[in-house]
Amino acid sequence: MPRITDDIEKSGLAQKASVFVAGHYLATDAHKGAKGAYSNVCCLNPIATQKWTEECLRLEPSALELEARIQQYMAQEIAPYIANEGYCNAAVDKFMATLGGWADMESTMRFPFASIPARDIAKKLKVMAELLPEFRD
């Protein structure tokens, strides 16, 4: 997972180049010089993610608090689909976009890829409403 490691921070590279990191670490790594992120967090809601990205880059304390909730949601509700159940990243991204409700789409993948069951949506939305209300339309 791309992060600004202690070695990168000590080298000063982040002050000389535009270093992009994993999106769910952007608030923390912005304090170390990160300039942006490559992230599937935007699948949940691109507008909310852009707003949060701007807060991260302004080094606002609220961005760190939201980062913690994003990490919790991703670890608890999303990552197991890849790590434990073997779904491909595209299936997870599409499922997350369905959860975000910002696009008129379903989470169904085309053959030969497996789709995350639609029956999981209600549970994930409930947790999302609790942890990440700013990511729901």
C-alpha atoms as a PDB file:
ATOM      1  CA  MET A   1       0.000   0.000   0.000  1.00  0.00           C
ATOM      2  CA  PRO A   2       1.624   3.309  -1.017  1.00  0.00           C
ATOM      3  CA  ARG A   3       2.538   5.372   2.022  1.00  0.00           C
ATOM      4  CA  ILE A   4       5.128   7.937   2.919  1.00  0.00           C
ATOM      5  CA  THR A   5       7.461   5.773   4.965  1.00  0.00           C
ATOM      6  CA  ASP A   6       9.918   7.091   7.527  1.00  0.00           C
ATOM      7  CA  ASP A   7      12.724   6.656   4.960  1.00  0.00           C
ATOM      8  CA  ILE A   8      10.845   8.673   2.330  1.00  0.00           C
ATOM      9  CA  GLU A   9      10.034  11.347   4.885  1.00  0.00           C
ATOM     10  CA  LYS A  10      13.694  11.564   5.990  1.00  0.00           C
ATOM     11  CA  SER A  11      14.878  11.784   2.365  1.00  0.00           C
ATOM     12  CA  GLY A  12      12.822  14.927   1.754  1.00  0.00           C
ATOM     13  CA  LEU A  13      11.455  13.439  -1.482  1.00  0.00           C
ATOM     14  CA  ALA A  14       7.891  14.462  -0.653  1.00  0.00           C
ATOM     15  CA  GLN A  15       9.035  18.084  -0.541  1.00  0.00           C
ATOM     16  CA  LYS A  16      10.636  17.814  -4.006  1.00  0.00           C
ATOM     17  CA  ALA A  17       8.122  15.657  -5.890  1.00  0.00           C
ATOM     18  CA  SER A  18       4.381  15.089  -5.966  1.00  0.00           C
ATOM     19  CA  VAL A  19       3.980  11.922  -3.940  1.00  0.00           C
ATOM     20  CA  PHE A  20       0.598  10.217  -4.132  1.00  0.00           C
ATOM     21  CA  VAL A  21      -0.458   7.688  -1.511  1.00  0.00           C
ATOM     22  CA  ALA A  22      -3.237   5.221  -0.764  1.00  0.00           C
ATOM     23  CA  GLY A  23      -6.390   7.287  -0.342  1.00  0.00           C
ATOM     24  CA  HIS A  24      -7.374   6.051   3.070  1.00  0.00           C
ATOM     25  CA  TYR A  25      -4.039   7.374   4.431  1.00  0.00           C
ATOM     26  CA  LEU A  26      -4.135  10.784   2.766  1.00  0.00           C
ATOM     27  CA  ALA A  27      -4.842  12.853   5.879  1.00  0.00           C
ATOM     28  CA  THR A  28      -1.917  11.309   7.762  1.00  0.00           C
ATOM     29  CA  ASP A  29       0.477  11.349   4.826  1.00  0.00           C
ATOM     30  CA  ALA A  30      -0.430  14.916   3.810  1.00  0.00           C
ATOM     31  CA  HIS A  31       1.320  15.956   7.036  1.00  0.00           C
ATOM     32  CA  LYS A  32       4.419  14.202   5.627  1.00  0.00           C
ATOM     33  CA  GLY A  33       4.159  15.953   2.253  1.00  0.00           C
ATOM     34  CA  ALA A  34       1.755  13.819   0.174  1.00  0.00           C
ATOM     35  CA  LYS A  35       0.126  15.838  -2.607  1.00  0.00           C
ATOM     36  CA  GLY A  36      -2.747  13.501  -3.460  1.00  0.00           C
ATOM     37  CA  ALA A  37      -3.998   9.934  -3.536  1.00  0.00           C
ATOM     38  CA  TYR A  38      -4.827   7.006  -5.730  1.00  0.00           C
ATOM     39  CA  SER A  39      -7.922   5.689  -4.091  1.00  0.00           C
ATOM     40  CA  ASN A  40     -11.024   3.631  -4.336  1.00  0.00           C
ATOM     41  CA  VAL A  41     -12.511   5.747  -1.519  1.00  0.00           C
ATOM     42  CA  CYS A  42     -13.879   7.930  -4.318  1.00  0.00           C
ATOM     43  CA  CYS A  43     -16.020   4.983  -5.422  1.00  0.00           C
ATOM     44  CA  LEU A  44     -18.172   5.611  -2.354  1.00  0.00           C
ATOM     45  CA  ASN A  45     -18.775   9.221  -3.313  1.00  0.00           C
ATOM     46  CA  PRO A  46     -16.485  11.292  -5.546  1.00  0.00           C
ATOM     47  CA  ILE A  47     -17.824  14.638  -4.297  1.00  0.00           C
ATOM     48  CA  ALA A  48     -17.379  13.731  -0.626  1.00  0.00           C
ATOM     49  CA  THR A  49     -13.922  12.336  -1.399  1.00  0.00           C
ATOM     50  CA  GLN A  50     -12.867  15.539  -3.163  1.00  0.00           C
ATOM     51  CA  LYS A  51     -14.068  17.631  -0.225  1.00  0.00           C
ATOM     52  CA  TRP A  52     -12.155  15.390   2.177  1.00  0.00           C
ATOM     53  CA  THR A  53      -9.052  15.493  -0.058  1.00  0.00           C
ATOM     54  CA  GLU A  54      -9.083  19.293   0.083  1.00  0.00           C
ATOM     55  CA  GLU A  55      -9.375  19.152   3.888  1.00  0.00           C
ATOM     56  CA  CYS A  56      -6.456  16.675   3.985  1.00  0.00           C
ATOM     57  CA  LEU A  57      -4.252  18.925   1.879  1.00  0.00           C
ATOM     58  CA  ARG A  58      -5.140  21.927   4.079  1.00  0.00           C
ATOM     59  CA  LEU A  59      -4.026  19.760   7.032  1.00  0.00           C
ATOM     60  CA  GLU A  60      -7.328  20.229   8.823  1.00  0.00           C
ATOM     61  CA  PRO A  61      -7.645  18.161  12.031  1.00  0.00           C
ATOM     62  CA  SER A  62     -11.142  17.046  10.978  1.00  0.00           C
ATOM     63  CA  ALA A  63      -9.574  15.224   8.016  1.00  0.00           C
ATOM     64  CA  LEU A  64      -7.668  12.947  10.399  1.00  0.00           C
ATOM     65  CA  GLU A  65     -10.851  12.079  12.260  1.00  0.00           C
ATOM     66  CA  LEU A  66     -12.634  11.211   9.016  1.00  0.00           C
ATOM     67  CA  GLU A  67      -9.597   9.228   7.870  1.00  0.00           C
ATOM     68  CA  ALA A  68      -9.913   7.025  10.958  1.00  0.00           C
ATOM     69  CA  ARG A  69     -13.556   6.321  10.151  1.00  0.00           C
ATOM     70  CA  ILE A  70     -12.753   5.638   6.487  1.00  0.00           C
ATOM     71  CA  GLN A  71     -10.043   3.188   7.521  1.00  0.00           C
ATOM     72  CA  GLN A  72     -12.405   1.475   9.941  1.00  0.00           C
ATOM     73  CA  TYR A  73     -15.108   1.123   7.296  1.00  0.00           C
ATOM     74  CA  MET A  74     -12.700  -0.141   4.650  1.00  0.00           C
ATOM     75  CA  ALA A  75     -11.051  -2.659   6.993  1.00  0.00           C
ATOM     76  CA  GLN A  76     -14.279  -3.884   8.525  1.00  0.00           C
ATOM     77  CA  GLU A  77     -16.736  -3.787   5.625  1.00  0.00           C
ATOM     78  CA  ILE A  78     -14.816  -3.729   2.325  1.00  0.00           C
ATOM     79  CA  ALA A  79     -11.358  -5.335   2.588  1.00  0.00           C
ATOM     80  CA  PRO A  80     -12.741  -8.778   3.573  1.00  0.00           C
ATOM     81  CA  TYR A  81     -14.329  -9.050   0.131  1.00  0.00           C
ATOM     82  CA  ILE A  82     -10.830  -9.078  -1.375  1.00  0.00           C
ATOM     83  CA  ALA A  83      -8.764 -10.671   1.384  1.00  0.00           C
ATOM     84  CA  ASN A  84     -11.196 -13.343   2.569  1.00  0.00           C
ATOM     85  CA  GLU A  85     -13.664 -13.895  -0.262  1.00  0.00           C
ATOM     86  CA  GLY A  86     -11.458 -13.390  -3.307  1.00  0.00           C
ATOM     87  CA  TYR A  87     -13.472 -10.755  -5.176  1.00  0.00           C
ATOM     88  CA  CYS A  88     -11.492  -8.707  -7.686  1.00  0.00           C
ATOM     89  CA  ASN A  89     -10.826  -5.016  -7.082  1.00  0.00           C
ATOM     90  CA  ALA A  90     -13.212  -4.004  -9.864  1.00  0.00           C
ATOM     91  CA  ALA A  91     -16.080  -5.892  -8.203  1.00  0.00           C
ATOM     92  CA  VAL A  92     -15.344  -4.139  -4.922  1.00  0.00           C
ATOM     93  CA  ASP A  93     -15.131  -0.729  -6.607  1.00  0.00           C
ATOM     94  CA  LYS A  94     -18.444  -1.281  -8.371  1.00  0.00           C
ATOM     95  CA  PHE A  95     -20.052  -2.468  -5.135  1.00  0.00           C
ATOM     96  CA  MET A  96     -18.754   0.639  -3.342  1.00  0.00           C
ATOM     97  CA  ALA A  97     -20.141   2.890  -6.086  1.00  0.00           C
ATOM     98  CA  THR A  98     -23.507   1.194  -5.645  1.00  0.00           C
ATOM     99  CA  LEU A  99     -23.317   1.861  -1.899  1.00  0.00           C
ATOM    100  CA  GLY A 100     -22.514   5.517  -2.493  1.00  0.00           C
ATOM    101  CA  GLY A 101     -25.692   5.973  -4.498  1.00  0.00           C
ATOM    102  CA  TRP A 102     -24.126   8.660  -6.701  1.00  0.00           C
ATOM    103  CA  ALA A 103     -24.558   6.709  -9.947  1.00  0.00           C
ATOM    104  CA  ASP A 104     -27.485   4.803 -11.334  1.00  0.00           C
ATOM    105  CA  MET A 105     -25.854   1.397 -11.399  1.00  0.00           C
ATOM    106  CA  GLU A 106     -25.926  -2.068  -9.930  1.00  0.00           C
ATOM    107  CA  SER A 107     -23.038  -3.973  -8.416  1.00  0.00           C
ATOM    108  CA  THR A 108     -23.304  -6.799 -10.950  1.00  0.00           C
ATOM    109  CA  MET A 109     -20.112  -7.678 -12.812  1.00  0.00           C
ATOM    110  CA  ARG A 110     -19.914  -9.170 -16.288  1.00  0.00           C
ATOM    111  CA  PHE A 111     -18.684 -12.706 -16.893  1.00  0.00           C
ATOM    112  CA  PRO A 112     -16.184 -14.067 -15.899  1.00  0.00           C
ATOM    113  CA  PHE A 113     -16.020 -11.904 -12.765  1.00  0.00           C
ATOM    114  CA  ALA A 114     -17.954 -12.703  -9.600  1.00  0.00           C
ATOM    115  CA  SER A 115     -20.316 -10.063  -8.214  1.00  0.00           C
ATOM    116  CA  ILE A 116     -20.631  -9.197  -4.558  1.00  0.00           C
ATOM    117  CA  PRO A 117     -24.161 -10.264  -3.596  1.00  0.00           C
ATOM    118  CA  ALA A 118     -26.737  -7.484  -3.681  1.00  0.00           C
ATOM    119  CA  ARG A 119     -28.102  -8.843  -0.400  1.00  0.00           C
ATOM    120  CA  ASP A 120     -25.001  -7.374   1.310  1.00  0.00           C
ATOM    121  CA  ILE A 121     -25.932  -3.808   0.353  1.00  0.00           C
ATOM    122  CA  ALA A 122     -28.418  -3.143   3.169  1.00  0.00           C
ATOM    123  CA  LYS A 123     -25.961  -4.179   5.912  1.00  0.00           C
ATOM    124  CA  LYS A 124     -23.112  -2.164   4.411  1.00  0.00           C
ATOM    125  CA  LEU A 125     -25.352   0.896   4.014  1.00  0.00           C
ATOM    126  CA  LYS A 126     -26.356   0.695   7.669  1.00  0.00           C
ATOM    127  CA  VAL A 127     -22.725   0.691   8.788  1.00  0.00           C
ATOM    128  CA  MET A 128     -21.883   3.386   6.239  1.00  0.00           C
ATOM    129  CA  ALA A 129     -24.667   5.626   7.590  1.00  0.00           C
ATOM    130  CA  GLU A 130     -23.164   5.275  11.062  1.00  0.00           C
ATOM    131  CA  LEU A 131     -19.474   5.636  10.183  1.00  0.00           C
ATOM    132  CA  LEU A 132     -19.478   7.747   7.008  1.00  0.00           C
ATOM    133  CA  PRO A 133     -22.687   9.776   6.775  1.00  0.00           C
ATOM    134  CA  GLU A 134     -20.867  12.403   4.667  1.00  0.00           C
ATOM    135  CA  PHE A 135     -20.433   9.785   1.915  1.00  0.00           C
ATOM    136  CA  ARG A 136     -24.161   9.158   1.421  1.00  0.00           C
ATOM    137  CA  ASP A 137     -26.178  11.394  -0.917  1.00  0.00           C
END
